[in-house]
Amino acid sequence: MFDDLLAANTRYRTEFHDPGVPGTAAKGLAVLTCIDSRITPLAMLGLAPGDAKIIRNAGARVTGDALRSLVLAVNLLGVTRICVVQHTDCAVAGTTEAELRDRVEQASGADAAGWEFLATTDQMATLRHDIAAIAACPLIPEHVAVGGFVFDVHRGALLPVPPA
């Protein structure tokens, strides 16, 4: 099932060399973005490996686990800026929990009751709420800059979200 990946890794290892990149974020940046395959965070932001901590989940939502990673990144890994990058045409934006559950149930054939997929019918309000949740976290120091953006998957444009 994973032979293609192991073969690719074998090829990769023949040219691999340890670049000596430290575990801290060289540009002091953490990026929380979506799992959407159209998003390539380093390229989108003009970064190189080692420049930023990249956290991904469906919808680029500030979940407990994402916040845990941000707290560690800020306090232990040199992060001084956090950007939350959602995107256009997101599967969890512009829909409801019920609609997402129905789609998952149809695809999986299993009951999705009790699952929360963090759907949103108002992406901008949700993004602003998530940014506020980061800023309000007592384990994120006040000097850490937090910003929100929407990536246009059709134009490649990164659009800042102004505060409410």
N, C-alpha and C. Protein backbone atom coordinates (compact mmCIF):
# COMPACT_ATOMS: atom_id res chain seq x y z
N MET A 1 0.81 -1.20 0.00
CA MET A 1 0.00 0.00 0.00
C MET A 1 0.86 1.27 0.00
N PHE A 2 2.04 1.22 0.61
CA PHE A 2 2.90 2.39 0.70
C PHE A 2 4.24 2.20 -0.02
N ASP A 3 4.31 1.22 -0.90
CA ASP A 3 5.56 0.94 -1.61
C ASP A 3 6.05 2.14 -2.41
N ASP A 4 5.13 2.92 -2.98
CA ASP A 4 5.54 4.10 -3.75
C ASP A 4 6.24 5.12 -2.86
N LEU A 5 5.77 5.26 -1.64
CA LEU A 5 6.39 6.21 -0.72
C LEU A 5 7.76 5.73 -0.26
N LEU A 6 7.87 4.46 0.02
CA LEU A 6 9.16 3.91 0.44
C LEU A 6 10.18 3.99 -0.70
N ALA A 7 9.73 3.74 -1.92
CA ALA A 7 10.64 3.86 -3.07
C ALA A 7 11.08 5.30 -3.27
N ALA A 8 10.16 6.22 -3.12
CA ALA A 8 10.51 7.64 -3.25
C ALA A 8 11.49 8.04 -2.16
N ASN A 9 11.30 7.54 -0.95
CA ASN A 9 12.22 7.86 0.13
C ASN A 9 13.60 7.28 -0.11
N THR A 10 13.66 6.11 -0.70
CA THR A 10 14.97 5.52 -1.03
C THR A 10 15.72 6.43 -1.99
N ARG A 11 15.03 6.96 -3.00
CA ARG A 11 15.66 7.90 -3.94
C ARG A 11 16.07 9.19 -3.22
N TYR A 12 15.20 9.68 -2.36
CA TYR A 12 15.46 10.91 -1.61
C TYR A 12 16.71 10.76 -0.74
N ARG A 13 16.85 9.64 -0.08
CA ARG A 13 17.98 9.41 0.82
C ARG A 13 19.32 9.43 0.10
N THR A 14 19.34 9.07 -1.18
CA THR A 14 20.62 9.05 -1.91
C THR A 14 21.21 10.44 -2.06
N GLU A 15 20.36 11.47 -2.05
CA GLU A 15 20.85 12.84 -2.18
C GLU A 15 20.67 13.66 -0.91
N PHE A 16 20.14 13.04 0.13
CA PHE A 16 19.87 13.78 1.37
C PHE A 16 21.15 14.12 2.10
N HIS A 17 21.19 15.32 2.62
CA HIS A 17 22.25 15.72 3.55
C HIS A 17 21.59 16.56 4.63
N ASP A 18 22.05 16.39 5.84
CA ASP A 18 21.50 17.14 6.96
C ASP A 18 21.88 18.61 6.78
N PRO A 19 20.89 19.49 6.56
CA PRO A 19 21.21 20.89 6.33
C PRO A 19 21.58 21.63 7.62
N GLY A 20 21.42 20.97 8.76
CA GLY A 20 21.77 21.61 10.02
C GLY A 20 20.79 22.69 10.45
N VAL A 21 19.58 22.64 9.93
CA VAL A 21 18.56 23.62 10.28
C VAL A 21 18.14 23.37 11.74
N PRO A 22 18.18 24.41 12.58
CA PRO A 22 17.76 24.22 13.97
C PRO A 22 16.26 24.00 14.07
N GLY A 23 15.81 23.56 15.22
CA GLY A 23 14.39 23.30 15.43
C GLY A 23 13.56 24.53 15.71
N THR A 24 14.20 25.69 15.80
CA THR A 24 13.46 26.93 16.02
C THR A 24 13.03 27.53 14.69
N ALA A 25 12.12 28.48 14.74
CA ALA A 25 11.62 29.14 13.53
C ALA A 25 12.52 30.33 13.19
N ALA A 26 13.32 30.20 12.16
CA ALA A 26 14.31 31.22 11.81
C ALA A 26 13.69 32.60 11.56
N LYS A 27 12.47 32.63 11.04
CA LYS A 27 11.80 33.91 10.77
C LYS A 27 10.81 34.27 11.88
N GLY A 28 10.82 33.48 12.97
CA GLY A 28 9.94 33.78 14.10
C GLY A 28 8.46 33.63 13.77
N LEU A 29 8.14 32.80 12.81
CA LEU A 29 6.77 32.71 12.30
C LEU A 29 6.16 31.33 12.51
N ALA A 30 4.90 31.33 12.89
CA ALA A 30 4.09 30.11 12.89
C ALA A 30 2.91 30.36 11.96
N VAL A 31 2.59 29.37 11.16
CA VAL A 31 1.49 29.47 10.20
C VAL A 31 0.50 28.35 10.50
N LEU A 32 -0.73 28.72 10.77
CA LEU A 32 -1.82 27.74 10.89
C LEU A 32 -2.62 27.84 9.61
N THR A 33 -2.64 26.76 8.84
CA THR A 33 -3.37 26.78 7.58
C THR A 33 -4.11 25.47 7.37
N CYS A 34 -4.82 25.39 6.29
CA CYS A 34 -5.68 24.25 5.99
C CYS A 34 -4.89 23.09 5.37
N ILE A 35 -5.49 21.92 5.40
CA ILE A 35 -4.88 20.73 4.80
C ILE A 35 -5.05 20.70 3.29
N ASP A 36 -5.75 21.65 2.72
CA ASP A 36 -6.02 21.67 1.29
C ASP A 36 -4.72 21.56 0.49
N SER A 37 -4.69 20.64 -0.45
CA SER A 37 -3.48 20.37 -1.24
C SER A 37 -3.06 21.53 -2.14
N ARG A 38 -3.95 22.47 -2.37
CA ARG A 38 -3.60 23.63 -3.20
C ARG A 38 -2.75 24.64 -2.46
N ILE A 39 -2.59 24.47 -1.16
CA ILE A 39 -1.83 25.41 -0.35
C ILE A 39 -0.43 24.84 -0.10
N THR A 40 0.57 25.57 -0.54
CA THR A 40 1.97 25.22 -0.26
C THR A 40 2.54 26.35 0.60
N PRO A 41 2.45 26.21 1.92
CA PRO A 41 2.74 27.33 2.81
C PRO A 41 4.10 27.99 2.61
N LEU A 42 5.17 27.22 2.48
CA LEU A 42 6.49 27.83 2.34
C LEU A 42 6.57 28.66 1.06
N ALA A 43 6.14 28.08 -0.05
CA ALA A 43 6.19 28.80 -1.33
C ALA A 43 5.28 30.02 -1.31
N MET A 44 4.08 29.86 -0.76
CA MET A 44 3.09 30.93 -0.73
C MET A 44 3.62 32.16 0.00
N LEU A 45 4.46 31.93 1.01
CA LEU A 45 4.95 33.03 1.85
C LEU A 45 6.42 33.38 1.59
N GLY A 46 7.02 32.76 0.57
CA GLY A 46 8.41 33.05 0.25
C GLY A 46 9.38 32.57 1.32
N LEU A 47 9.08 31.44 1.91
CA LEU A 47 9.90 30.91 3.00
C LEU A 47 10.67 29.67 2.57
N ALA A 48 11.65 29.32 3.37
CA ALA A 48 12.46 28.11 3.15
C ALA A 48 12.27 27.19 4.35
N PRO A 49 12.61 25.91 4.20
CA PRO A 49 12.53 25.01 5.35
C PRO A 49 13.33 25.58 6.54
N GLY A 50 12.73 25.54 7.71
CA GLY A 50 13.36 26.08 8.91
C GLY A 50 12.93 27.49 9.25
N ASP A 51 12.28 28.18 8.31
CA ASP A 51 11.86 29.56 8.56
C ASP A 51 10.65 29.66 9.49
N ALA A 52 9.75 28.67 9.42
CA ALA A 52 8.48 28.78 10.14
C ALA A 52 8.01 27.44 10.65
N LYS A 53 7.15 27.49 11.63
CA LYS A 53 6.44 26.30 12.11
C LYS A 53 5.12 26.27 11.36
N ILE A 54 4.82 25.15 10.72
CA ILE A 54 3.61 25.01 9.93
C ILE A 54 2.67 24.03 10.64
N ILE A 55 1.47 24.50 10.91
CA ILE A 55 0.44 23.68 11.55
C ILE A 55 -0.73 23.61 10.59
N ARG A 56 -1.21 22.40 10.33
CA ARG A 56 -2.31 22.25 9.37
C ARG A 56 -3.44 21.43 9.96
N ASN A 57 -4.65 21.86 9.68
CA ASN A 57 -5.84 21.06 9.97
C ASN A 57 -6.95 21.50 9.02
N ALA A 58 -8.00 20.72 8.96
CA ALA A 58 -9.11 21.03 8.06
C ALA A 58 -9.74 22.36 8.46
N GLY A 59 -9.72 23.31 7.56
CA GLY A 59 -10.32 24.61 7.80
C GLY A 59 -9.40 25.63 8.43
N ALA A 60 -8.18 25.25 8.78
CA ALA A 60 -7.25 26.16 9.46
C ALA A 60 -7.89 26.73 10.71
N ARG A 61 -8.45 25.85 11.53
CA ARG A 61 -9.17 26.29 12.72
C ARG A 61 -8.30 26.21 13.97
N VAL A 62 -8.56 27.13 14.89
CA VAL A 62 -7.84 27.16 16.15
C VAL A 62 -8.52 26.17 17.11
N THR A 63 -8.13 24.93 16.96
CA THR A 63 -8.62 23.86 17.83
C THR A 63 -7.71 23.79 19.05
N GLY A 64 -8.08 22.96 20.01
CA GLY A 64 -7.24 22.77 21.17
C GLY A 64 -5.85 22.29 20.79
N ASP A 65 -5.77 21.38 19.84
CA ASP A 65 -4.47 20.86 19.44
C ASP A 65 -3.65 21.91 18.69
N ALA A 66 -4.29 22.70 17.84
CA ALA A 66 -3.56 23.77 17.14
C ALA A 66 -3.04 24.79 18.15
N LEU A 67 -3.86 25.13 19.13
CA LEU A 67 -3.45 26.10 20.15
C LEU A 67 -2.30 25.53 20.98
N ARG A 68 -2.35 24.25 21.29
CA ARG A 68 -1.25 23.59 22.02
C ARG A 68 0.06 23.75 21.24
N SER A 69 0.01 23.50 19.94
CA SER A 69 1.20 23.63 19.11
C SER A 69 1.69 25.08 19.06
N LEU A 70 0.77 26.02 18.98
CA LEU A 70 1.15 27.44 18.95
C LEU A 70 1.78 27.86 20.27
N VAL A 71 1.24 27.40 21.38
CA VAL A 71 1.81 27.73 22.69
C VAL A 71 3.25 27.23 22.78
N LEU A 72 3.49 26.01 22.35
CA LEU A 72 4.85 25.47 22.38
C LEU A 72 5.77 26.22 21.41
N ALA A 73 5.27 26.55 20.24
CA ALA A 73 6.07 27.26 19.25
C ALA A 73 6.48 28.64 19.76
N VAL A 74 5.56 29.33 20.41
CA VAL A 74 5.83 30.68 20.92
C VAL A 74 6.78 30.64 22.12
N ASN A 75 6.58 29.70 22.99
CA ASN A 75 7.35 29.68 24.23
C ASN A 75 8.67 28.91 24.15
N LEU A 76 8.80 28.00 23.19
CA LEU A 76 10.00 27.17 23.14
C LEU A 76 10.75 27.20 21.81
N LEU A 77 10.11 27.67 20.74
CA LEU A 77 10.70 27.49 19.41
C LEU A 77 10.90 28.79 18.63
N GLY A 78 10.96 29.92 19.33
CA GLY A 78 11.34 31.18 18.69
C GLY A 78 10.26 31.88 17.90
N VAL A 79 9.01 31.51 18.06
CA VAL A 79 7.94 32.15 17.29
C VAL A 79 7.51 33.45 17.96
N THR A 80 7.46 34.52 17.16
CA THR A 80 7.01 35.83 17.64
C THR A 80 5.84 36.36 16.82
N ARG A 81 5.50 35.64 15.74
CA ARG A 81 4.37 36.03 14.87
C ARG A 81 3.58 34.78 14.53
N ILE A 82 2.27 34.92 14.56
CA ILE A 82 1.38 33.81 14.18
C ILE A 82 0.44 34.32 13.11
N CYS A 83 0.37 33.59 12.00
CA CYS A 83 -0.64 33.94 11.01
C CYS A 83 -1.54 32.73 10.76
N VAL A 84 -2.82 33.01 10.75
CA VAL A 84 -3.84 32.01 10.45
C VAL A 84 -4.25 32.25 9.00
N VAL A 85 -4.07 31.22 8.17
CA VAL A 85 -4.35 31.37 6.74
C VAL A 85 -5.44 30.39 6.32
N GLN A 86 -6.66 30.92 6.18
CA GLN A 86 -7.73 30.12 5.60
C GLN A 86 -7.70 30.35 4.09
N HIS A 87 -8.65 29.80 3.36
CA HIS A 87 -8.59 29.94 1.90
C HIS A 87 -9.98 29.93 1.27
N THR A 88 -10.02 30.38 0.04
CA THR A 88 -11.25 30.36 -0.73
C THR A 88 -11.59 28.92 -1.10
N ASP A 89 -12.84 28.67 -1.37
CA ASP A 89 -13.33 27.34 -1.80
C ASP A 89 -12.99 26.24 -0.80
N CYS A 90 -13.05 26.56 0.49
CA CYS A 90 -12.75 25.57 1.53
C CYS A 90 -13.98 24.70 1.77
N ALA A 91 -13.75 23.42 1.95
CA ALA A 91 -14.85 22.47 2.15
C ALA A 91 -15.61 22.69 3.46
N VAL A 92 -14.97 23.33 4.45
CA VAL A 92 -15.67 23.55 5.72
C VAL A 92 -16.23 24.96 5.83
N ALA A 93 -15.96 25.82 4.86
CA ALA A 93 -16.50 27.18 4.86
C ALA A 93 -17.71 27.25 3.94
N GLY A 94 -18.70 28.01 4.35
CA GLY A 94 -19.90 28.16 3.54
C GLY A 94 -20.82 26.97 3.63
N THR A 95 -20.69 26.20 4.69
CA THR A 95 -21.54 25.02 4.88
C THR A 95 -21.88 24.89 6.36
N THR A 96 -22.77 23.99 6.66
CA THR A 96 -23.16 23.77 8.06
C THR A 96 -22.64 22.43 8.55
N GLU A 97 -22.66 22.26 9.86
CA GLU A 97 -22.27 20.98 10.45
C GLU A 97 -23.13 19.84 9.90
N ALA A 98 -24.43 20.08 9.81
CA ALA A 98 -25.34 19.05 9.32
C ALA A 98 -25.00 18.65 7.89
N GLU A 99 -24.71 19.63 7.05
CA GLU A 99 -24.34 19.32 5.66
C GLU A 99 -23.05 18.52 5.59
N LEU A 100 -22.05 18.90 6.39
CA LEU A 100 -20.79 18.16 6.39
C LEU A 100 -20.98 16.74 6.91
N ARG A 101 -21.77 16.60 7.98
CA ARG A 101 -22.03 15.26 8.51
C ARG A 101 -22.70 14.39 7.45
N ASP A 102 -23.68 14.95 6.74
CA ASP A 102 -24.35 14.19 5.68
C ASP A 102 -23.36 13.75 4.61
N ARG A 103 -22.48 14.65 4.20
CA ARG A 103 -21.49 14.31 3.17
C ARG A 103 -20.54 13.22 3.64
N VAL A 104 -20.11 13.32 4.91
CA VAL A 104 -19.20 12.31 5.46
C VAL A 104 -19.92 10.97 5.58
N GLU A 105 -21.16 10.99 6.03
CA GLU A 105 -21.92 9.75 6.15
C GLU A 105 -22.12 9.09 4.80
N GLN A 106 -22.42 9.89 3.77
CA GLN A 106 -22.60 9.33 2.44
C GLN A 106 -21.29 8.72 1.92
N ALA A 107 -20.18 9.39 2.19
CA ALA A 107 -18.89 8.90 1.69
C ALA A 107 -18.39 7.69 2.48
N SER A 108 -18.63 7.69 3.77
CA SER A 108 -18.06 6.63 4.62
C SER A 108 -19.02 5.46 4.85
N GLY A 109 -20.31 5.76 4.73
CA GLY A 109 -21.31 4.74 5.05
C GLY A 109 -21.48 4.53 6.55
N ALA A 110 -20.90 5.41 7.35
CA ALA A 110 -20.99 5.31 8.81
C ALA A 110 -21.71 6.52 9.38
N ASP A 111 -22.20 6.39 10.59
CA ASP A 111 -22.90 7.46 11.28
C ASP A 111 -21.90 8.49 11.78
N ALA A 112 -22.07 9.75 11.41
CA ALA A 112 -21.17 10.82 11.83
C ALA A 112 -21.76 11.65 12.96
N ALA A 113 -22.85 11.20 13.54
CA ALA A 113 -23.45 11.92 14.67
C ALA A 113 -22.43 12.03 15.79
N GLY A 114 -22.39 13.19 16.41
CA GLY A 114 -21.44 13.41 17.49
C GLY A 114 -20.11 13.99 17.04
N TRP A 115 -19.84 13.92 15.76
CA TRP A 115 -18.60 14.52 15.24
C TRP A 115 -18.82 16.01 15.01
N GLU A 116 -17.81 16.81 15.34
CA GLU A 116 -17.85 18.24 15.05
C GLU A 116 -16.74 18.54 14.06
N PHE A 117 -17.13 19.02 12.88
CA PHE A 117 -16.16 19.29 11.82
C PHE A 117 -15.78 20.76 11.71
N LEU A 118 -16.36 21.59 12.58
CA LEU A 118 -16.06 23.03 12.64
C LEU A 118 -16.42 23.76 11.35
N ALA A 119 -17.56 23.39 10.79
CA ALA A 119 -18.07 24.08 9.61
C ALA A 119 -18.42 25.52 9.97
N THR A 120 -18.43 26.37 8.97
CA THR A 120 -18.79 27.76 9.20
C THR A 120 -19.54 28.32 7.99
N THR A 121 -20.56 29.08 8.27
CA THR A 121 -21.28 29.77 7.20
C THR A 121 -20.78 31.21 7.03
N ASP A 122 -19.92 31.66 7.95
CA ASP A 122 -19.35 33.01 7.88
C ASP A 122 -17.84 32.91 8.13
N GLN A 123 -17.10 32.70 7.07
CA GLN A 123 -15.65 32.47 7.18
C GLN A 123 -14.93 33.63 7.84
N MET A 124 -15.27 34.85 7.50
CA MET A 124 -14.57 36.01 8.06
C MET A 124 -14.82 36.12 9.57
N ALA A 125 -16.05 35.95 9.99
CA ALA A 125 -16.36 36.01 11.42
C ALA A 125 -15.65 34.90 12.17
N THR A 126 -15.61 33.72 11.58
CA THR A 126 -14.93 32.58 12.21
C THR A 126 -13.44 32.83 12.30
N LEU A 127 -12.84 33.36 11.26
CA LEU A 127 -11.41 33.66 11.26
C LEU A 127 -11.09 34.71 12.33
N ARG A 128 -11.90 35.73 12.42
CA ARG A 128 -11.69 36.76 13.45
C ARG A 128 -11.83 36.16 14.86
N HIS A 129 -12.81 35.26 15.04
CA HIS A 129 -13.01 34.59 16.32
C HIS A 129 -11.78 33.76 16.68
N ASP A 130 -11.24 33.03 15.71
CA ASP A 130 -10.07 32.19 15.96
C ASP A 130 -8.83 33.02 16.30
N ILE A 131 -8.67 34.14 15.61
CA ILE A 131 -7.54 35.04 15.91
C ILE A 131 -7.67 35.57 17.33
N ALA A 132 -8.89 35.95 17.72
CA ALA A 132 -9.13 36.44 19.08
C ALA A 132 -8.84 35.35 20.11
N ALA A 133 -9.14 34.10 19.78
CA ALA A 133 -8.87 33.00 20.70
C ALA A 133 -7.36 32.84 20.93
N ILE A 134 -6.58 33.02 19.90
CA ILE A 134 -5.12 32.94 20.05
C ILE A 134 -4.65 34.09 20.94
N ALA A 135 -5.09 35.30 20.61
CA ALA A 135 -4.66 36.48 21.36
C ALA A 135 -5.09 36.41 22.83
N ALA A 136 -6.21 35.76 23.11
CA ALA A 136 -6.72 35.67 24.48
C ALA A 136 -6.07 34.56 25.29
N CYS A 137 -5.34 33.70 24.64
CA CYS A 137 -4.72 32.58 25.36
C CYS A 137 -3.67 33.10 26.34
N PRO A 138 -3.79 32.77 27.62
CA PRO A 138 -2.83 33.28 28.60
C PRO A 138 -1.41 32.76 28.41
N LEU A 139 -1.24 31.70 27.64
CA LEU A 139 0.10 31.15 27.40
C LEU A 139 0.75 31.71 26.13
N ILE A 140 0.04 32.61 25.44
CA ILE A 140 0.60 33.33 24.29
C ILE A 140 0.92 34.74 24.78
N PRO A 141 2.19 35.09 24.89
CA PRO A 141 2.54 36.43 25.39
C PRO A 141 1.95 37.54 24.53
N GLU A 142 1.66 38.67 25.17
CA GLU A 142 1.03 39.80 24.49
C GLU A 142 1.86 40.36 23.34
N HIS A 143 3.18 40.21 23.40
CA HIS A 143 4.03 40.78 22.35
C HIS A 143 3.97 39.98 21.04
N VAL A 144 3.35 38.80 21.06
CA VAL A 144 3.27 37.98 19.85
C VAL A 144 2.22 38.57 18.91
N ALA A 145 2.62 38.86 17.69
CA ALA A 145 1.70 39.41 16.69
C ALA A 145 0.86 38.27 16.11
N VAL A 146 -0.44 38.52 15.97
CA VAL A 146 -1.36 37.52 15.42
C VAL A 146 -2.14 38.17 14.29
N GLY A 147 -2.13 37.52 13.13
CA GLY A 147 -2.86 38.06 11.98
C GLY A 147 -3.63 36.98 11.24
N GLY A 148 -4.65 37.42 10.53
CA GLY A 148 -5.47 36.50 9.76
C GLY A 148 -5.44 36.84 8.28
N PHE A 149 -5.50 35.78 7.46
CA PHE A 149 -5.41 35.96 6.02
C PHE A 149 -6.31 34.94 5.33
N VAL A 150 -6.70 35.27 4.11
CA VAL A 150 -7.39 34.32 3.24
C VAL A 150 -6.55 34.18 1.98
N PHE A 151 -6.23 32.94 1.65
CA PHE A 151 -5.47 32.65 0.45
C PHE A 151 -6.44 32.33 -0.67
N ASP A 152 -6.33 33.07 -1.77
CA ASP A 152 -7.18 32.82 -2.94
C ASP A 152 -6.53 31.71 -3.76
N VAL A 153 -7.14 30.53 -3.74
CA VAL A 153 -6.54 29.36 -4.40
C VAL A 153 -6.54 29.46 -5.92
N HIS A 154 -7.27 30.42 -6.48
CA HIS A 154 -7.31 30.57 -7.93
C HIS A 154 -6.34 31.64 -8.44
N ARG A 155 -6.03 32.61 -7.59
CA ARG A 155 -5.14 33.70 -8.01
C ARG A 155 -3.79 33.68 -7.30
N GLY A 156 -3.67 32.90 -6.22
CA GLY A 156 -2.42 32.87 -5.46
C GLY A 156 -2.24 34.05 -4.54
N ALA A 157 -3.27 34.87 -4.38
CA ALA A 157 -3.17 36.09 -3.58
C ALA A 157 -3.44 35.79 -2.11
N LEU A 158 -2.63 36.39 -1.25
CA LEU A 158 -2.81 36.31 0.20
C LEU A 158 -3.43 37.62 0.65
N LEU A 159 -4.66 37.55 1.14
CA LEU A 159 -5.42 38.75 1.48
C LEU A 159 -5.53 38.90 2.98
N PRO A 160 -5.00 40.02 3.54
CA PRO A 160 -5.13 40.23 4.98
C PRO A 160 -6.59 40.45 5.37
N VAL A 161 -6.96 39.95 6.52
CA VAL A 161 -8.31 40.13 7.04
C VAL A 161 -8.25 41.27 8.05
N PRO A 162 -8.91 42.39 7.75
CA PRO A 162 -8.87 43.49 8.71
C PRO A 162 -9.63 43.13 9.98
N PRO A 163 -9.20 43.69 11.12
CA PRO A 163 -9.92 43.42 12.37
C PRO A 163 -11.38 43.85 12.25
N ALA A 164 -12.23 43.26 13.04
CA ALA A 164 -13.68 43.60 13.01
C ALA A 164 -13.89 45.03 13.47
